[in-house]
Protein backbone atom coordinates (compact mmCIF):
# COMPACT_ATOMS: atom_id res chain seq x y z
CA UNK A 1 -17.09 19.35 -65.84
CA UNK A 2 -19.38 18.59 -68.79
CA UNK A 3 -20.11 15.16 -67.32
CA UNK A 4 -21.07 16.73 -64.00
CA UNK A 5 -23.41 19.20 -65.68
CA UNK A 6 -24.96 16.43 -67.77
CA UNK A 7 -25.47 14.22 -64.70
CA UNK A 8 -27.05 17.10 -62.80
CA UNK A 9 -29.45 17.80 -65.65
CA UNK A 10 -30.42 14.14 -65.90
CA UNK A 11 -31.10 13.98 -62.15
CA UNK A 12 -33.19 17.14 -62.32
CA UNK A 13 -35.19 15.71 -65.20
CA UNK A 14 -35.82 12.48 -63.31
CA UNK A 15 -37.06 14.39 -60.25
CA UNK A 16 -39.29 16.57 -62.41
CA UNK A 17 -40.77 13.51 -64.08
CA UNK A 18 -41.82 12.01 -60.75
CA UNK A 19 -44.39 13.89 -58.70
CA UNK A 20 -45.39 12.55 -55.28
CA UNK A 21 -49.00 11.50 -54.88
CA UNK A 22 -51.15 12.85 -52.07
CA UNK A 23 -53.69 11.30 -49.70
CA UNK A 24 -56.22 13.14 -47.52
CA UNK A 25 -55.30 12.38 -43.89
CA UNK A 26 -58.64 12.48 -42.10
CA UNK A 27 -60.92 9.85 -40.59
CA UNK A 28 -64.27 11.40 -41.41
CA UNK A 29 -65.33 12.35 -44.94
CA UNK A 30 -68.83 12.35 -46.39
CA UNK A 31 -70.25 13.33 -49.76
CA UNK A 32 -66.96 13.00 -51.66
CA UNK A 33 -66.36 11.63 -55.15
CA UNK A 34 -62.98 10.18 -54.11
CA UNK A 35 -64.09 8.01 -51.21
CA UNK A 36 -65.99 8.33 -47.95
CA UNK A 37 -64.58 7.60 -44.49
CA UNK A 38 -66.22 7.16 -41.10
CA UNK A 39 -63.74 5.54 -38.75
CA UNK A 40 -63.74 6.71 -35.11
CA UNK A 41 -61.21 4.97 -32.87
CA UNK A 42 -62.10 3.50 -29.48
CA UNK A 43 -60.57 2.81 -26.10
CA UNK A 44 -60.36 -0.67 -24.49
CA UNK A 45 -63.48 -2.82 -24.28
CA UNK A 46 -65.35 -2.52 -21.01
CA UNK A 47 -64.90 -5.75 -19.06
CA UNK A 48 -62.49 -7.17 -21.65
CA UNK A 49 -59.67 -4.60 -21.94
CA UNK A 50 -57.17 -6.93 -23.64
CA UNK A 51 -59.44 -7.67 -26.60
CA UNK A 52 -58.34 -6.23 -29.96
CA UNK A 53 -61.19 -5.34 -32.32
CA UNK A 54 -61.25 -4.07 -35.88
CA UNK A 55 -64.12 -3.15 -38.20
CA UNK A 56 -67.10 -0.83 -38.48
CA UNK A 57 -69.24 -0.34 -35.37
CA UNK A 58 -72.77 -1.72 -35.37
CA UNK A 59 -73.95 1.90 -35.19
CA UNK A 60 -72.03 2.59 -38.40
CA UNK A 61 -73.40 -0.26 -40.48
CA UNK A 62 -70.84 -2.79 -39.28
CA UNK A 63 -70.83 -5.88 -37.10
CA UNK A 64 -68.43 -4.90 -34.28
CA UNK A 65 -69.83 -3.77 -30.94
CA UNK A 66 -67.30 -1.42 -29.33
CA UNK A 67 -67.98 -0.77 -25.65
CA UNK A 68 -64.93 1.34 -24.83
CA UNK A 69 -65.00 5.14 -24.87
CA UNK A 70 -64.05 7.08 -27.97
CA UNK A 71 -60.50 8.45 -27.93
CA UNK A 72 -60.20 12.18 -27.35
CA UNK A 73 -57.53 14.81 -26.85
CA UNK A 74 -53.78 15.08 -27.20
CA UNK A 75 -53.02 12.13 -24.93
CA UNK A 76 -53.51 9.75 -27.84
CA UNK A 77 -51.61 9.62 -31.11
CA UNK A 78 -52.78 8.40 -34.51
CA UNK A 79 -50.17 7.67 -37.16
CA UNK A 80 -50.76 7.06 -40.86
CA UNK A 81 -48.42 4.69 -42.69
CA UNK A 82 -48.45 4.21 -46.45
CA UNK A 83 -46.68 3.04 -49.58
CA UNK A 84 -47.29 1.56 -53.03
CA UNK A 85 -50.39 -0.63 -53.30
CA UNK A 86 -49.77 -4.25 -52.27
CA UNK A 87 -46.02 -3.67 -51.91
CA UNK A 88 -45.85 -4.71 -48.26
CA UNK A 89 -43.76 -1.62 -47.50
CA UNK A 90 -45.35 1.10 -45.39
CA UNK A 91 -43.57 4.26 -44.23
CA UNK A 92 -44.69 6.78 -41.61
CA UNK A 93 -46.50 9.63 -43.41
CA UNK A 94 -47.95 11.79 -40.64
CA UNK A 95 -49.30 11.83 -37.09
CA UNK A 96 -52.25 13.50 -35.40
CA UNK A 97 -54.08 13.67 -32.08
CA UNK A 98 -57.83 13.49 -31.44
CA UNK A 99 -60.71 15.92 -31.38
CA UNK A 100 -62.48 16.86 -28.16
CA UNK A 101 -65.83 18.19 -29.41
CA UNK A 102 -68.61 15.92 -28.15
CA UNK A 103 -69.93 15.14 -31.64
CA UNK A 104 -66.42 14.43 -32.99
CA UNK A 105 -64.93 12.18 -30.31
CA UNK A 106 -62.91 9.32 -31.76
CA UNK A 107 -61.92 11.23 -34.90
CA UNK A 108 -58.45 12.63 -35.46
CA UNK A 109 -57.65 16.32 -35.63
CA UNK A 110 -56.28 16.54 -39.18
CA UNK A 111 -52.98 18.37 -39.68
CA UNK A 112 -53.15 22.00 -40.82
CA UNK A 113 -52.35 20.67 -44.28
CA UNK A 114 -54.24 17.35 -44.43
CA UNK A 115 -53.06 16.49 -47.96
CA UNK A 116 -50.07 14.27 -47.18
CA UNK A 117 -47.36 13.40 -49.71
CA UNK A 118 -46.63 9.72 -50.28
CA UNK A 119 -43.04 9.81 -51.50
CA UNK A 120 -43.07 6.30 -52.96
CA UNK A 121 -46.28 6.65 -55.01
CA UNK A 122 -46.60 9.00 -58.02
CA UNK A 123 -49.60 11.18 -58.83
CA UNK A 124 -52.27 8.91 -60.30
CA UNK A 125 -50.80 5.82 -58.64
CA UNK A 126 -52.50 3.67 -56.03
CA UNK A 127 -51.40 3.16 -52.44
CA UNK A 128 -51.89 0.94 -49.41
CA UNK A 129 -52.23 2.40 -45.92
CA UNK A 130 -52.56 1.54 -42.26
CA UNK A 131 -53.65 3.63 -39.29
CA UNK A 132 -52.09 3.00 -35.89
CA UNK A 133 -53.09 4.61 -32.60
CA UNK A 134 -51.80 4.52 -29.05
CA UNK A 135 -51.76 6.13 -25.62
CA UNK A 136 -48.75 8.46 -25.86
CA UNK A 137 -48.41 8.87 -22.09
CA UNK A 138 -48.30 12.65 -22.12
CA UNK A 139 -45.99 12.68 -25.13
CA UNK A 140 -43.39 10.30 -23.73
CA UNK A 141 -44.30 7.52 -26.15
CA UNK A 142 -43.90 9.44 -29.40
CA UNK A 143 -42.98 6.68 -31.88
CA UNK A 144 -44.36 3.30 -32.87
CA UNK A 145 -41.00 1.77 -32.01
CA UNK A 146 -41.50 2.85 -28.39
CA UNK A 147 -44.99 1.38 -28.43
CA UNK A 148 -43.68 -1.97 -29.63
CA UNK A 149 -40.96 -1.95 -26.99
CA UNK A 150 -43.45 -1.70 -24.12
CA UNK A 151 -46.34 -4.21 -23.90
CA UNK A 152 -48.12 -2.05 -21.33
CA UNK A 153 -48.77 0.72 -23.87
CA UNK A 154 -52.34 0.61 -25.16
CA UNK A 155 -52.25 0.40 -28.95
CA UNK A 156 -54.28 -0.67 -31.99
CA UNK A 157 -54.05 -0.96 -35.77
CA UNK A 158 -56.57 -0.70 -38.57
CA UNK A 159 -54.99 -3.35 -40.74
CA UNK A 160 -53.74 -2.56 -44.24
CA UNK A 161 -56.27 -1.22 -46.75
CA UNK A 162 -56.06 0.10 -50.32
CA UNK A 163 -58.39 2.94 -51.37
CA UNK A 164 -59.93 2.38 -54.84
CA UNK A 165 -59.01 5.90 -55.94
CA UNK A 166 -55.63 7.18 -57.21
CA UNK A 167 -53.42 9.49 -55.20
CA UNK A 168 -53.78 13.13 -56.17
CA UNK A 169 -51.63 16.08 -57.08
CA UNK A 170 -50.37 17.73 -60.26
CA UNK A 171 -48.80 15.34 -62.79
CA UNK A 172 -45.32 16.06 -64.17
CA UNK A 173 -45.40 18.66 -66.91
CA UNK A 174 -48.41 20.45 -65.47
CA UNK A 175 -51.17 18.11 -66.60
CA UNK A 176 -54.69 18.04 -65.22
CA UNK A 177 -54.56 17.88 -61.41
CA UNK A 178 -55.85 14.71 -59.77
CA UNK A 179 -58.06 15.08 -56.69
CA UNK A 180 -56.31 13.41 -53.71
CA UNK A 181 -58.02 10.23 -52.56
CA UNK A 182 -59.61 9.85 -49.15
CA UNK A 183 -58.81 6.93 -46.85
CA UNK A 184 -61.69 4.78 -48.07
CA UNK A 185 -61.33 1.30 -46.63
CA UNK A 186 -60.22 2.54 -43.21
CA UNK A 187 -62.47 1.17 -40.47
CA UNK A 188 -62.69 1.67 -36.74
CA UNK A 189 -60.54 -0.24 -34.24
CA UNK A 190 -59.78 -0.07 -30.55
CA UNK A 191 -56.64 0.17 -28.46
CA UNK A 192 -55.55 -2.48 -25.96
CA UNK A 193 -52.32 -3.67 -24.33
CA UNK A 194 -50.44 -6.85 -25.14
CA UNK A 195 -52.18 -9.58 -23.09
CA UNK A 196 -49.94 -9.89 -20.04
CA UNK A 197 -52.47 -9.44 -17.22
CA UNK A 198 -50.01 -10.08 -14.42
CA UNK A 199 -47.95 -7.11 -15.49
CA UNK A 200 -50.51 -4.54 -16.51
CA UNK A 201 -53.74 -5.12 -14.61
CA UNK A 202 -53.34 -1.90 -12.66
CA UNK A 203 -52.54 0.01 -15.84
CA UNK A 204 -55.81 -1.17 -17.38
CA UNK A 205 -57.83 0.16 -14.50
CA UNK A 206 -55.91 3.42 -14.54
CA UNK A 207 -56.40 4.04 -18.26
CA UNK A 208 -60.09 3.16 -18.07
CA UNK A 209 -60.59 5.75 -15.36
CA UNK A 210 -58.59 8.29 -17.37
CA UNK A 211 -60.64 7.75 -20.52
CA UNK A 212 -63.91 8.10 -18.65
CA UNK A 213 -62.70 11.30 -17.00
CA UNK A 214 -61.70 12.78 -20.38
CA UNK A 215 -65.20 12.20 -21.71
CA UNK A 216 -66.78 14.31 -18.97
């Protein structure tokens, strides 16, 4: 019995000594001391719908010219993956859909609580992250595994990035709270299907029409 009590106390102490770090799950942040973000996500390129692009738009100080419409509404899902910096291991942290206001198209609708715990990174530690987005087909494609299983699903990825600010939260023992980092390093990208034109040509035309209709 004493051993059980001792083991329980040791486990409780270990849990108390490790506090999960937090990241701010949003794709638009300005005027912040813990990183700025401006990363709208786009639909397929006009005239070249199979082309995958990644990087800041020319209108946002970058070199990539996106011609597809900005994603909008609940028909598209964005998922944030993260883990310890440079570990190569990324776990699903949270998902979101997209805004519909004209001046906010392409940006996600942050969760009600946008400060997301990263279970594998402690407060004050650094993390690596990746954003993935896809056409969820009215909610039927609700996981990345389903996306990967179907080459006709329009999808895109930001690529892995590591914000230069530590993850936030309250350190063990009630130390000085750390302000949660923003997703600095995240850039825009677009969604596109796996290049199998013979299989999905009609789907391309259909999604293009759908995206244009959503913008009206």
